Amino acid sequence: MSFHEIRFPARLSFGSVGGPERLTEVVTLANGHEERNTPWAHSRRRYDAGVGLRSLDDVGEVIAFFEARRGRLHGFRWKDWADFKSCQCSADVAYDDQVIGVGDGETTQFALMKTYRSGTETYGRPIDKPVPGTVRVGVADDELVDTVHYEVDATTGIITFATAPDIGVDVQAGFEFDVPVRFDTDLILTSVETFRAGEVPDVPVIEVRA
């Protein structure tokens, strides 16, 4: 997949609408009961970047970004202001926000993930695009030092330890992250007259599997 490691301007994604989408296949049986299944292990997010535009200069900036990505051809990073941290959006990132694995004495690489909880149910979301400089890592409730005890690949979300964590200890991490996306259109229609009247162009954006 062709992907550009550049973020869509965060000030323009602020105010956009969007969120996670699931694909659920529902079959209604003759007795009225349902059978439900999904072919997707993970949700896919959609956004409309046009809603965040506030001026003609904003429109021009989006068009430049769109042209540089060649429309739908190249992916890019997107800040989802409603969900961009390993913790609550109002909290500060901490090294023990998430448990991303358990040491076995041999494994040195662990993938970042965020766990969503509701009642007894959980969902683990892979995090492929952490924001550089925001990742904090700990092992067995002790925070480690970046580039000394571990290294972060900000393009894949993989943590590589200098020494494999001991057997049975929790591997923890906290981070900010972006969503890997692409434009979901090869056409952006704009009108100076309608924009000044409060209309904004549709700029659909969809998550891609990194």
Protein backbone atom coordinates (compact mmCIF):
# COMPACT_ATOMS: atom_id res chain seq x y z
CA MET A 1 0.00 0.00 0.00
CA SER A 2 1.30 3.45 -0.89
CA PHE A 3 1.27 5.54 2.27
CA HIS A 4 2.62 9.01 3.01
CA GLU A 5 3.73 9.50 6.64
CA ILE A 6 2.15 12.93 6.85
CA ARG A 7 -0.82 14.06 8.92
CA PHE A 8 -3.83 15.84 7.48
CA PRO A 9 -3.76 19.31 9.11
CA ALA A 10 -5.10 18.69 12.62
CA ARG A 11 -6.79 22.08 12.85
CA LEU A 12 -8.84 21.15 9.77
CA SER A 13 -9.84 17.72 11.05
CA PHE A 14 -11.09 19.39 14.24
CA GLY A 15 -14.86 19.74 13.86
CA SER A 16 -15.13 16.99 11.25
CA VAL A 17 -17.71 14.24 11.68
CA GLY A 18 -17.05 10.53 11.62
CA GLY A 19 -16.30 7.44 13.63
CA PRO A 20 -16.10 3.64 13.61
CA GLU A 21 -18.12 1.50 11.21
CA ARG A 22 -18.85 -2.23 11.56
CA LEU A 23 -20.11 -4.74 9.00
CA THR A 24 -22.71 -7.07 10.50
CA GLU A 25 -24.54 -9.68 8.45
CA VAL A 26 -28.03 -10.29 9.87
CA VAL A 27 -30.20 -13.24 8.84
CA THR A 28 -33.77 -13.39 10.12
CA LEU A 29 -34.94 -16.97 10.57
CA ALA A 30 -38.44 -18.26 9.89
CA ASN A 31 -39.19 -18.29 13.62
CA GLY A 32 -38.29 -14.61 13.93
CA HIS A 33 -34.95 -15.16 15.63
CA GLU A 34 -31.78 -13.68 14.14
CA GLU A 35 -28.35 -14.98 13.34
CA ARG A 36 -25.66 -12.32 13.28
CA ASN A 37 -22.09 -12.56 12.07
CA THR A 38 -19.33 -10.27 10.89
CA PRO A 39 -16.48 -10.89 8.43
CA TRP A 40 -14.55 -7.96 9.96
CA ALA A 41 -12.28 -8.50 12.96
CA HIS A 42 -11.81 -4.74 13.30
CA SER A 43 -13.97 -1.69 12.71
CA ARG A 44 -13.24 0.79 9.94
CA ARG A 45 -13.51 4.53 10.45
CA ARG A 46 -15.01 7.11 8.11
CA TYR A 47 -14.82 10.89 8.32
CA ASP A 48 -15.91 13.97 6.40
CA ALA A 49 -13.06 16.46 6.31
CA GLY A 50 -15.22 19.10 4.66
CA VAL A 51 -17.17 19.82 7.84
CA GLY A 52 -14.07 21.18 9.56
CA LEU A 53 -13.39 23.83 6.90
CA ARG A 54 -14.04 27.42 7.97
CA SER A 55 -12.54 29.63 5.27
CA LEU A 56 -11.55 29.67 1.63
CA ASP A 57 -7.93 29.40 2.74
CA ASP A 58 -8.87 26.15 4.47
CA VAL A 59 -10.38 24.88 1.23
CA GLY A 60 -7.20 25.79 -0.63
CA GLU A 61 -5.09 23.93 1.94
CA VAL A 62 -7.24 20.81 1.60
CA ILE A 63 -7.05 20.93 -2.19
CA ALA A 64 -3.25 21.16 -2.01
CA PHE A 65 -3.17 18.18 0.37
CA PHE A 66 -5.58 16.26 -1.88
CA GLU A 67 -3.48 16.92 -4.99
CA ALA A 68 -0.26 15.90 -3.21
CA ARG A 69 -1.89 12.57 -2.29
CA ARG A 70 -3.14 12.16 -5.88
CA GLY A 71 -6.72 11.74 -4.65
CA ARG A 72 -7.31 8.18 -3.44
CA LEU A 73 -3.86 6.95 -4.49
CA HIS A 74 -1.83 7.58 -1.34
CA GLY A 75 -2.81 7.10 2.28
CA PHE A 76 -2.01 9.54 5.09
CA ARG A 77 -2.42 10.12 8.82
CA TRP A 78 -5.58 11.54 10.38
CA LYS A 79 -6.16 12.84 13.90
CA ASP A 80 -9.49 11.68 15.27
CA TRP A 81 -10.16 14.30 17.94
CA ALA A 82 -12.69 12.03 19.66
CA ASP A 83 -10.23 9.13 20.02
CA PHE A 84 -6.50 9.80 19.73
CA LYS A 85 -4.98 8.70 23.03
CA SER A 86 -4.38 5.46 24.91
CA CYS A 87 -6.31 7.06 27.77
CA GLN A 88 -9.27 9.41 27.95
CA CYS A 89 -8.84 12.40 25.62
CA SER A 90 -8.87 14.78 28.60
CA ALA A 91 -6.15 12.87 30.47
CA ASP A 92 -2.38 12.83 30.09
CA VAL A 93 -0.72 9.81 28.48
CA ALA A 94 0.89 7.48 31.05
CA TYR A 95 3.20 4.53 30.50
CA ASP A 96 0.70 2.13 32.11
CA ASP A 97 -2.41 3.14 30.14
CA GLN A 98 -2.57 -0.13 28.22
CA VAL A 99 -1.28 -3.67 28.63
CA ILE A 100 0.01 -4.65 25.18
CA GLY A 101 1.39 -8.07 26.05
CA VAL A 102 2.95 -10.41 28.57
CA GLY A 103 6.63 -11.25 28.60
CA ASP A 104 7.85 -14.77 27.88
CA GLY A 105 11.58 -14.20 28.31
CA GLU A 106 12.20 -14.46 24.56
CA THR A 107 9.93 -12.07 22.63
CA THR A 108 11.44 -8.63 22.09
CA GLN A 109 8.79 -7.10 19.80
CA PHE A 110 5.30 -6.08 20.85
CA ALA A 111 2.62 -4.30 18.84
CA LEU A 112 0.79 -1.29 20.25
CA MET A 113 -2.90 -1.77 20.86
CA LYS A 114 -5.77 -0.03 22.63
CA THR A 115 -8.37 -2.01 24.55
CA TYR A 116 -11.97 -0.78 24.70
CA ARG A 117 -14.07 -2.06 27.61
CA SER A 118 -17.79 -2.09 28.31
CA GLY A 119 -19.04 -4.35 31.07
CA THR A 120 -17.36 -7.71 30.67
CA GLU A 121 -16.72 -7.25 26.94
CA THR A 122 -13.45 -5.97 25.46
CA TYR A 123 -12.14 -5.16 22.01
CA GLY A 124 -8.44 -4.84 21.16
CA ARG A 125 -7.66 -2.32 18.42
CA PRO A 126 -4.26 -2.48 16.72
CA ILE A 127 -2.45 0.86 16.72
CA ASP A 128 -0.24 1.15 13.64
CA LYS A 129 0.46 4.89 13.59
CA PRO A 130 1.58 6.20 16.98
CA VAL A 131 2.50 9.87 17.07
CA PRO A 132 6.30 10.16 17.24
CA GLY A 133 7.56 11.36 20.60
CA THR A 134 4.40 10.47 22.53
CA VAL A 135 4.98 6.77 23.25
CA ARG A 136 5.79 5.78 26.83
CA VAL A 137 6.57 2.17 27.75
CA GLY A 138 6.80 0.22 30.97
CA VAL A 139 7.43 -3.33 32.13
CA ALA A 140 6.10 -4.71 35.42
CA ASP A 141 4.98 -1.21 36.48
CA ASP A 142 8.39 0.37 35.90
CA GLU A 143 8.71 2.99 33.18
CA LEU A 144 11.55 2.45 30.72
CA VAL A 145 13.67 4.89 28.74
CA ASP A 146 13.17 5.33 25.00
CA THR A 147 16.21 4.49 22.82
CA VAL A 148 17.86 2.91 25.87
CA HIS A 149 15.51 0.08 26.82
CA TYR A 150 13.36 0.07 23.71
CA GLU A 151 12.76 1.65 20.31
CA VAL A 152 9.47 2.63 18.67
CA ASP A 153 8.67 2.25 14.98
CA ALA A 154 6.20 5.09 14.47
CA THR A 155 5.24 3.73 11.03
CA THR A 156 4.09 0.32 12.29
CA GLY A 157 3.42 0.65 16.01
CA ILE A 158 6.00 -2.03 16.87
CA ILE A 159 7.98 -1.72 20.13
CA THR A 160 11.37 -3.46 20.10
CA PHE A 161 13.05 -4.08 23.47
CA ALA A 162 16.79 -4.27 23.97
CA THR A 163 16.16 -7.17 26.35
CA ALA A 164 13.14 -9.46 26.26
CA PRO A 165 10.71 -8.83 29.16
CA ASP A 166 10.76 -11.55 31.81
CA ILE A 167 8.24 -14.37 31.85
CA GLY A 168 4.80 -13.36 33.10
CA VAL A 169 5.37 -9.61 33.44
CA ASP A 170 2.99 -7.11 31.88
CA VAL A 171 4.27 -5.02 28.99
CA GLN A 172 2.58 -1.60 29.19
CA ALA A 173 2.37 1.45 26.96
CA GLY A 174 0.76 4.85 26.63
CA PHE A 175 0.65 6.92 23.46
CA GLU A 176 -1.13 9.28 21.13
CA PHE A 177 -1.99 7.89 17.72
CA ASP A 178 -3.27 8.73 14.26
CA VAL A 179 -5.63 6.78 12.02
CA PRO A 180 -4.23 5.58 8.66
CA VAL A 181 -6.68 6.82 6.03
CA ARG A 182 -7.07 7.83 2.40
CA PHE A 183 -9.48 10.08 0.56
CA ASP A 184 -12.58 8.18 -0.48
CA THR A 185 -13.07 10.26 -3.62
CA ASP A 186 -11.10 11.39 -6.63
CA LEU A 187 -13.23 14.51 -6.95
CA ILE A 188 -13.65 17.54 -4.71
CA LEU A 189 -16.31 20.02 -5.79
CA THR A 190 -16.00 23.55 -4.43
CA SER A 191 -17.93 26.75 -4.98
CA VAL A 192 -16.80 30.10 -3.69
CA GLU A 193 -20.35 31.45 -3.73
CA THR A 194 -21.93 28.56 -1.83
CA PHE A 195 -19.03 28.30 0.60
CA ARG A 196 -19.47 31.92 1.60
CA ALA A 197 -23.13 31.14 2.14
CA GLY A 198 -22.21 28.43 4.63
CA GLU A 199 -21.87 25.43 2.34
CA VAL A 200 -18.77 23.26 2.52
CA PRO A 201 -17.49 20.62 0.09
CA ASP A 202 -17.81 16.92 0.83
CA VAL A 203 -14.36 15.50 1.53
CA PRO A 204 -14.87 11.84 2.51
CA VAL A 205 -12.00 10.05 4.22
CA ILE A 206 -11.86 6.32 5.01
CA GLU A 207 -9.54 4.21 7.17
CA VAL A 208 -7.14 1.82 5.46
CA ARG A 209 -5.44 -1.29 6.78
CA ALA A 210 -1.85 -0.26 7.35
